[in-house]
Amino acid sequence: MKSINLFDPAVHSTTPLGAPARRHKADGMATAAMLIQIASEMLETSPTLRKRMHITLSDLAAADKVRKELVRKTLSVH
């Protein structure tokens, strides 16, 4: 049985490089707001996870307040 080589320098050194990929410019405040919302929804639906991480419902309320502020700032910038 032949082992699989994930990195073969001979193959990779002769492969022509294409143009560098353009980096997508993301809106930091909108991304942060979305991540806060995702984490909050996960923790709201999982009391076990919330208990394991020592996160209270007041912590989630504070995170939601921050998320709403970020969304408000994002909308006022655009």
N, C-alpha and C. Protein backbone atom coordinates (compact mmCIF):
# COMPACT_ATOMS: atom_id res chain seq x y z
N MET A 1 0.84 -1.18 0.00
CA MET A 1 0.00 0.00 0.00
C MET A 1 0.89 1.24 0.00
N LYS A 2 0.61 2.15 -0.89
CA LYS A 2 1.41 3.37 -1.02
C LYS A 2 0.88 4.45 -0.08
N SER A 3 1.78 5.09 0.63
CA SER A 3 1.34 6.17 1.52
C SER A 3 1.07 7.43 0.71
N ILE A 4 0.20 8.25 1.22
CA ILE A 4 -0.18 9.49 0.54
C ILE A 4 0.74 10.61 1.01
N ASN A 5 1.34 11.29 0.05
CA ASN A 5 2.18 12.44 0.38
C ASN A 5 1.36 13.70 0.16
N LEU A 6 1.11 14.43 1.22
CA LEU A 6 0.32 15.65 1.10
C LEU A 6 1.14 16.78 0.51
N PHE A 7 2.43 16.79 0.80
CA PHE A 7 3.28 17.87 0.29
C PHE A 7 4.46 17.25 -0.43
N ASP A 8 4.48 17.39 -1.73
CA ASP A 8 5.57 16.90 -2.54
C ASP A 8 6.27 18.12 -3.13
N PRO A 9 7.48 18.47 -2.66
CA PRO A 9 8.15 19.69 -3.12
C PRO A 9 8.36 19.72 -4.63
N ALA A 10 8.56 18.57 -5.26
CA ALA A 10 8.79 18.55 -6.70
C ALA A 10 7.56 19.02 -7.46
N VAL A 11 6.41 18.62 -7.01
CA VAL A 11 5.16 19.01 -7.68
C VAL A 11 4.85 20.47 -7.42
N HIS A 12 5.02 20.90 -6.19
CA HIS A 12 4.64 22.25 -5.82
C HIS A 12 5.61 23.32 -6.34
N SER A 13 6.86 22.96 -6.55
CA SER A 13 7.81 23.97 -7.01
C SER A 13 7.66 24.27 -8.50
N THR A 14 7.10 23.33 -9.28
CA THR A 14 6.96 23.55 -10.71
C THR A 14 5.59 24.09 -11.09
N THR A 15 4.67 24.10 -10.16
CA THR A 15 3.33 24.59 -10.45
C THR A 15 3.36 26.10 -10.57
N PRO A 16 2.88 26.64 -11.71
CA PRO A 16 2.90 28.11 -11.86
C PRO A 16 1.91 28.76 -10.89
N LEU A 17 2.33 29.88 -10.35
CA LEU A 17 1.47 30.60 -9.44
C LEU A 17 0.59 31.55 -10.22
N GLY A 18 -0.67 31.60 -9.87
CA GLY A 18 -1.59 32.52 -10.51
C GLY A 18 -1.52 33.87 -9.83
N ALA A 19 -2.40 34.73 -10.23
CA ALA A 19 -2.46 36.05 -9.61
C ALA A 19 -2.92 35.88 -8.16
N PRO A 20 -2.40 36.71 -7.27
CA PRO A 20 -2.82 36.60 -5.87
C PRO A 20 -4.31 36.90 -5.73
N ALA A 21 -4.94 36.16 -4.84
CA ALA A 21 -6.37 36.35 -4.63
C ALA A 21 -6.62 37.69 -3.96
N ARG A 22 -7.71 38.32 -4.35
CA ARG A 22 -8.06 39.59 -3.73
C ARG A 22 -8.71 39.31 -2.39
N ARG A 23 -8.30 40.03 -1.40
CA ARG A 23 -8.86 39.86 -0.06
C ARG A 23 -10.16 40.65 0.04
N HIS A 24 -11.18 39.96 0.53
CA HIS A 24 -12.47 40.61 0.71
C HIS A 24 -12.39 41.57 1.89
N LYS A 25 -12.79 42.78 1.68
CA LYS A 25 -12.77 43.77 2.75
C LYS A 25 -14.09 43.66 3.51
N ALA A 26 -14.00 43.24 4.75
CA ALA A 26 -15.19 43.03 5.56
C ALA A 26 -15.44 44.22 6.47
N ASP A 27 -16.69 44.39 6.83
CA ASP A 27 -17.07 45.44 7.76
C ASP A 27 -16.92 44.87 9.16
N GLY A 28 -15.95 45.36 9.91
CA GLY A 28 -15.63 44.81 11.22
C GLY A 28 -16.76 44.89 12.22
N MET A 29 -17.46 46.03 12.26
CA MET A 29 -18.55 46.17 13.23
C MET A 29 -19.71 45.24 12.89
N ALA A 30 -20.02 45.10 11.62
CA ALA A 30 -21.11 44.21 11.21
C ALA A 30 -20.75 42.76 11.50
N THR A 31 -19.50 42.41 11.26
CA THR A 31 -19.05 41.04 11.53
C THR A 31 -19.10 40.75 13.02
N ALA A 32 -18.65 41.69 13.84
CA ALA A 32 -18.68 41.51 15.29
C ALA A 32 -20.12 41.36 15.77
N ALA A 33 -21.02 42.17 15.24
CA ALA A 33 -22.43 42.08 15.64
C ALA A 33 -23.01 40.72 15.28
N MET A 34 -22.66 40.22 14.09
CA MET A 34 -23.17 38.92 13.67
C MET A 34 -22.62 37.80 14.56
N LEU A 35 -21.34 37.86 14.90
CA LEU A 35 -20.74 36.84 15.76
C LEU A 35 -21.34 36.86 17.16
N ILE A 36 -21.61 38.06 17.68
CA ILE A 36 -22.25 38.17 18.99
C ILE A 36 -23.64 37.55 18.94
N GLN A 37 -24.37 37.81 17.86
CA GLN A 37 -25.71 37.26 17.73
C GLN A 37 -25.68 35.74 17.65
N ILE A 38 -24.77 35.20 16.89
CA ILE A 38 -24.66 33.74 16.76
C ILE A 38 -24.33 33.11 18.10
N ALA A 39 -23.34 33.66 18.80
CA ALA A 39 -22.95 33.11 20.09
C ALA A 39 -24.09 33.22 21.10
N SER A 40 -24.77 34.35 21.10
CA SER A 40 -25.88 34.55 22.04
C SER A 40 -27.00 33.54 21.79
N GLU A 41 -27.34 33.33 20.52
CA GLU A 41 -28.39 32.37 20.19
C GLU A 41 -28.00 30.96 20.61
N MET A 42 -26.74 30.60 20.42
CA MET A 42 -26.28 29.27 20.84
C MET A 42 -26.38 29.12 22.35
N LEU A 43 -25.96 30.14 23.08
CA LEU A 43 -25.96 30.06 24.53
C LEU A 43 -27.37 30.15 25.11
N GLU A 44 -28.26 30.88 24.44
CA GLU A 44 -29.65 30.97 24.92
C GLU A 44 -30.34 29.62 24.82
N THR A 45 -30.03 28.85 23.80
CA THR A 45 -30.69 27.56 23.60
C THR A 45 -30.02 26.42 24.32
N SER A 46 -28.85 26.64 24.90
CA SER A 46 -28.13 25.57 25.58
C SER A 46 -27.77 25.96 27.01
N PRO A 47 -28.67 25.69 27.96
CA PRO A 47 -28.37 26.01 29.36
C PRO A 47 -27.13 25.27 29.89
N THR A 48 -26.91 24.06 29.38
CA THR A 48 -25.74 23.28 29.83
C THR A 48 -24.45 23.97 29.42
N LEU A 49 -24.38 24.41 28.18
CA LEU A 49 -23.19 25.11 27.70
C LEU A 49 -23.00 26.43 28.45
N ARG A 50 -24.11 27.13 28.67
CA ARG A 50 -24.05 28.40 29.39
C ARG A 50 -23.53 28.18 30.81
N LYS A 51 -24.00 27.12 31.46
CA LYS A 51 -23.56 26.82 32.83
C LYS A 51 -22.09 26.43 32.85
N ARG A 52 -21.67 25.64 31.87
CA ARG A 52 -20.28 25.19 31.79
C ARG A 52 -19.33 26.37 31.59
N MET A 53 -19.79 27.39 30.86
CA MET A 53 -18.94 28.55 30.58
C MET A 53 -19.14 29.68 31.59
N HIS A 54 -20.00 29.44 32.59
CA HIS A 54 -20.28 30.42 33.64
C HIS A 54 -20.79 31.74 33.06
N ILE A 55 -21.74 31.64 32.14
CA ILE A 55 -22.35 32.81 31.52
C ILE A 55 -23.78 32.93 32.02
N THR A 56 -24.13 34.08 32.54
CA THR A 56 -25.47 34.30 33.06
C THR A 56 -26.35 34.94 31.99
N LEU A 57 -27.64 34.96 32.27
CA LEU A 57 -28.57 35.61 31.35
C LEU A 57 -28.31 37.11 31.27
N SER A 58 -27.83 37.69 32.37
CA SER A 58 -27.51 39.12 32.32
C SER A 58 -26.29 39.37 31.43
N ASP A 59 -25.36 38.41 31.37
CA ASP A 59 -24.23 38.52 30.43
C ASP A 59 -24.74 38.52 28.99
N LEU A 60 -25.71 37.66 28.71
CA LEU A 60 -26.28 37.61 27.36
C LEU A 60 -27.03 38.89 27.03
N ALA A 61 -27.71 39.46 28.02
CA ALA A 61 -28.41 40.72 27.79
C ALA A 61 -27.42 41.84 27.49
N ALA A 62 -26.30 41.84 28.21
CA ALA A 62 -25.26 42.86 27.96
C ALA A 62 -24.66 42.68 26.56
N ALA A 63 -24.44 41.43 26.16
CA ALA A 63 -23.90 41.17 24.82
C ALA A 63 -24.88 41.63 23.75
N ASP A 64 -26.17 41.42 23.99
CA ASP A 64 -27.18 41.86 23.03
C ASP A 64 -27.21 43.38 22.93
N LYS A 65 -27.01 44.05 24.05
CA LYS A 65 -26.97 45.51 24.06
C LYS A 65 -25.78 46.01 23.22
N VAL A 66 -24.63 45.37 23.37
CA VAL A 66 -23.44 45.72 22.59
C VAL A 66 -23.69 45.46 21.11
N ARG A 67 -24.32 44.33 20.81
CA ARG A 67 -24.62 43.98 19.42
C ARG A 67 -25.51 45.04 18.78
N LYS A 68 -26.54 45.45 19.49
CA LYS A 68 -27.46 46.47 18.95
C LYS A 68 -26.74 47.79 18.72
N GLU A 69 -25.82 48.13 19.62
CA GLU A 69 -25.05 49.37 19.45
C GLU A 69 -24.15 49.27 18.21
N LEU A 70 -23.53 48.12 18.00
CA LEU A 70 -22.69 47.92 16.82
C LEU A 70 -23.51 48.01 15.53
N VAL A 71 -24.69 47.42 15.55
CA VAL A 71 -25.56 47.49 14.37
C VAL A 71 -25.96 48.93 14.11
N ARG A 72 -26.30 49.66 15.16
CA ARG A 72 -26.69 51.06 15.01
C ARG A 72 -25.55 51.88 14.42
N LYS A 73 -24.33 51.65 14.92
CA LYS A 73 -23.17 52.38 14.39
C LYS A 73 -22.89 52.00 12.94
N THR A 74 -23.06 50.73 12.62
CA THR A 74 -22.83 50.27 11.25
C THR A 74 -23.81 50.93 10.29
N LEU A 75 -25.07 51.01 10.70
CA LEU A 75 -26.08 51.61 9.83
C LEU A 75 -25.87 53.11 9.68
N SER A 76 -25.36 53.76 10.72
CA SER A 76 -25.14 55.21 10.62
C SER A 76 -23.91 55.54 9.76
N VAL A 77 -22.97 54.61 9.67
CA VAL A 77 -21.76 54.82 8.85
C VAL A 77 -22.10 54.70 7.37
N HIS A 78 -22.97 53.76 7.03
CA HIS A 78 -23.29 53.50 5.61
C HIS A 78 -24.33 54.43 5.18
